N, C-alpha and C. Protein backbone atom coordinates (compact mmCIF):
# COMPACT_ATOMS: atom_id res chain seq x y z
N MET A 1 69.01 83.88 119.01
CA MET A 1 69.28 84.87 117.98
C MET A 1 70.36 85.84 118.43
N THR A 2 70.32 86.23 119.69
CA THR A 2 71.30 87.16 120.21
C THR A 2 72.70 86.55 120.17
N LYS A 3 72.77 85.21 120.40
CA LYS A 3 74.07 84.55 120.37
C LYS A 3 74.68 84.62 118.97
N THR A 4 73.88 84.42 117.95
CA THR A 4 74.41 84.44 116.58
C THR A 4 74.86 85.85 116.19
N ILE A 5 74.15 86.84 116.66
CA ILE A 5 74.55 88.23 116.37
C ILE A 5 75.86 88.55 117.07
N ARG A 6 75.97 88.12 118.33
CA ARG A 6 77.22 88.35 119.06
C ARG A 6 78.38 87.61 118.39
N ALA A 7 78.13 86.38 117.97
CA ALA A 7 79.18 85.59 117.32
C ALA A 7 79.62 86.25 116.02
N ALA A 8 78.65 86.72 115.25
CA ALA A 8 78.97 87.39 113.99
C ALA A 8 79.73 88.69 114.25
N ALA A 9 79.31 89.44 115.25
CA ALA A 9 79.99 90.69 115.59
C ALA A 9 81.41 90.40 116.06
N GLY A 10 81.59 89.30 116.80
CA GLY A 10 82.93 88.91 117.24
C GLY A 10 83.83 88.56 116.07
N ARG A 11 83.28 87.84 115.09
CA ARG A 11 84.07 87.47 113.89
C ARG A 11 84.44 88.72 113.09
N VAL A 12 83.50 89.63 112.98
CA VAL A 12 83.77 90.88 112.25
C VAL A 12 84.86 91.67 112.97
N ALA A 13 84.76 91.75 114.29
CA ALA A 13 85.76 92.49 115.06
C ALA A 13 87.13 91.82 114.94
N ASP A 14 87.17 90.48 115.00
CA ASP A 14 88.44 89.76 114.84
C ASP A 14 89.04 90.02 113.46
N SER A 15 88.21 89.95 112.44
CA SER A 15 88.69 90.19 111.08
C SER A 15 89.20 91.62 110.92
N PHE A 16 88.49 92.55 111.53
CA PHE A 16 88.91 93.95 111.46
C PHE A 16 90.27 94.14 112.10
N VAL A 17 90.46 93.56 113.28
CA VAL A 17 91.74 93.69 113.98
C VAL A 17 92.85 93.02 113.17
N GLN A 18 92.58 91.85 112.61
CA GLN A 18 93.59 91.17 111.79
C GLN A 18 93.93 92.01 110.56
N GLY A 19 92.95 92.63 109.96
CA GLY A 19 93.20 93.49 108.80
C GLY A 19 94.08 94.68 109.15
N ILE A 20 93.80 95.30 110.29
CA ILE A 20 94.62 96.43 110.74
C ILE A 20 96.05 95.95 110.99
N ALA A 21 96.19 94.78 111.61
CA ALA A 21 97.53 94.24 111.88
C ALA A 21 98.27 93.96 110.57
N GLN A 22 97.59 93.47 109.56
CA GLN A 22 98.22 93.20 108.27
C GLN A 22 98.72 94.48 107.62
N MET A 23 98.00 95.58 107.80
CA MET A 23 98.45 96.85 107.23
C MET A 23 99.78 97.26 107.85
N GLY A 24 99.99 96.95 109.10
CA GLY A 24 101.24 97.27 109.76
C GLY A 24 102.41 96.47 109.21
N THR A 25 102.15 95.28 108.72
CA THR A 25 103.25 94.45 108.19
C THR A 25 103.68 94.92 106.81
N LEU A 26 102.88 95.72 106.14
CA LEU A 26 103.27 96.21 104.81
C LEU A 26 104.53 97.06 104.89
N THR A 27 104.64 97.85 105.91
CA THR A 27 105.80 98.72 106.04
C THR A 27 107.00 98.00 106.63
N MET A 28 106.81 96.81 107.14
CA MET A 28 107.90 96.08 107.77
C MET A 28 108.54 95.08 106.81
N SER A 29 108.27 95.22 105.52
CA SER A 29 108.88 94.32 104.55
C SER A 29 110.39 94.54 104.54
N GLU A 30 111.07 93.65 103.89
CA GLU A 30 112.53 93.72 103.86
C GLU A 30 112.98 95.06 103.29
N ARG A 31 113.72 95.77 104.09
CA ARG A 31 114.16 97.10 103.67
C ARG A 31 115.44 96.98 102.86
N ARG A 32 115.52 97.79 101.83
CA ARG A 32 116.71 97.81 101.01
C ARG A 32 117.79 98.64 101.68
N LYS A 33 119.00 98.21 101.47
CA LYS A 33 120.12 98.98 102.00
C LYS A 33 120.28 100.21 101.11
N PRO A 34 120.31 101.39 101.68
CA PRO A 34 120.42 102.58 100.84
C PRO A 34 121.74 102.59 100.07
N ALA A 35 121.66 103.09 98.87
CA ALA A 35 122.86 103.17 98.02
C ALA A 35 123.84 104.14 98.66
N PRO A 36 125.11 103.83 98.56
CA PRO A 36 126.09 104.76 99.13
C PRO A 36 126.01 106.11 98.40
N ARG A 37 126.05 107.14 99.15
CA ARG A 37 125.95 108.47 98.56
C ARG A 37 127.31 108.96 98.12
N LYS A 38 127.31 109.58 96.96
CA LYS A 38 128.53 110.15 96.43
C LYS A 38 128.54 111.65 96.72
N THR A 39 129.72 112.18 96.72
CA THR A 39 129.79 113.63 96.81
C THR A 39 129.42 114.17 95.44
N ALA A 40 129.12 115.43 95.38
CA ALA A 40 128.76 116.05 94.11
C ALA A 40 129.92 115.94 93.12
N ALA A 41 131.14 116.10 93.60
CA ALA A 41 132.30 116.03 92.72
C ALA A 41 132.46 114.63 92.14
N GLU A 42 132.25 113.59 92.96
CA GLU A 42 132.36 112.22 92.47
C GLU A 42 131.28 111.93 91.44
N ALA A 43 130.07 112.39 91.70
CA ALA A 43 128.97 112.18 90.77
C ALA A 43 129.24 112.88 89.45
N LEU A 44 129.73 114.10 89.51
CA LEU A 44 130.03 114.86 88.30
C LEU A 44 131.17 114.21 87.52
N ARG A 45 132.17 113.74 88.22
CA ARG A 45 133.29 113.05 87.57
C ARG A 45 132.79 111.80 86.83
N GLY A 46 131.90 111.05 87.48
CA GLY A 46 131.33 109.86 86.84
C GLY A 46 130.51 110.20 85.61
N ASP A 47 129.75 111.29 85.70
CA ASP A 47 128.95 111.72 84.55
C ASP A 47 129.86 112.05 83.36
N TRP A 48 130.93 112.79 83.63
CA TRP A 48 131.85 113.17 82.55
C TRP A 48 132.56 111.95 81.98
N ALA A 49 132.89 110.98 82.82
CA ALA A 49 133.55 109.76 82.35
C ALA A 49 132.61 109.00 81.41
N ARG A 50 131.34 108.88 81.78
CA ARG A 50 130.37 108.20 80.90
C ARG A 50 130.19 108.98 79.61
N LEU A 51 130.12 110.29 79.70
CA LEU A 51 129.98 111.11 78.50
C LEU A 51 131.19 110.93 77.58
N GLY A 52 132.39 110.91 78.16
CA GLY A 52 133.59 110.70 77.35
C GLY A 52 133.56 109.35 76.66
N GLY A 53 133.11 108.31 77.37
CA GLY A 53 133.00 106.99 76.75
C GLY A 53 131.99 106.99 75.61
N ASP A 54 130.88 107.68 75.81
CA ASP A 54 129.87 107.78 74.74
C ASP A 54 130.44 108.49 73.52
N MET A 55 131.18 109.56 73.74
CA MET A 55 131.77 110.31 72.63
C MET A 55 132.80 109.45 71.88
N GLU A 56 133.62 108.72 72.61
CA GLU A 56 134.61 107.85 71.96
C GLU A 56 133.93 106.80 71.08
N ARG A 57 132.86 106.19 71.59
CA ARG A 57 132.13 105.19 70.79
C ARG A 57 131.50 105.83 69.57
N ALA A 58 130.96 107.04 69.71
CA ALA A 58 130.33 107.71 68.58
C ALA A 58 131.37 108.04 67.51
N VAL A 59 132.53 108.54 67.91
CA VAL A 59 133.58 108.88 66.94
C VAL A 59 134.06 107.62 66.24
N ARG A 60 134.25 106.54 67.01
CA ARG A 60 134.70 105.28 66.42
C ARG A 60 133.67 104.77 65.41
N LYS A 61 132.39 104.89 65.73
CA LYS A 61 131.33 104.42 64.84
C LYS A 61 131.31 105.23 63.53
N VAL A 62 131.47 106.53 63.64
CA VAL A 62 131.49 107.39 62.44
C VAL A 62 132.71 107.04 61.57
N LYS A 63 133.87 106.84 62.20
CA LYS A 63 135.08 106.51 61.44
C LYS A 63 134.93 105.17 60.75
N GLU A 64 134.29 104.21 61.41
CA GLU A 64 134.05 102.89 60.80
C GLU A 64 133.14 103.02 59.59
N ARG A 65 132.10 103.83 59.70
CA ARG A 65 131.18 104.04 58.56
C ARG A 65 131.89 104.74 57.40
N GLU A 66 132.74 105.71 57.72
CA GLU A 66 133.46 106.42 56.66
C GLU A 66 134.44 105.50 55.95
N SER A 67 135.10 104.63 56.71
CA SER A 67 136.08 103.73 56.08
C SER A 67 135.40 102.64 55.28
N ALA A 68 134.15 102.31 55.60
CA ALA A 68 133.42 101.28 54.87
C ALA A 68 132.91 101.79 53.53
N GLN A 69 132.84 103.09 53.36
CA GLN A 69 132.30 103.65 52.10
C GLN A 69 133.32 103.69 51.03
């Protein structure tokens, strides 16, 4: 009986250690390369460029609707 208890305790301990080891591999997954950082001026310039493009499309859409009427 003592042998079976020791064997079961050994299996539990092995499983516990394997589980702890698996938790360590979660953080070691393939890391993404960080996106290149822009300066604040570059980011702001990009925002304004996108906004300008949005405004141009909106004006073009309104003019198309007006000409269709």
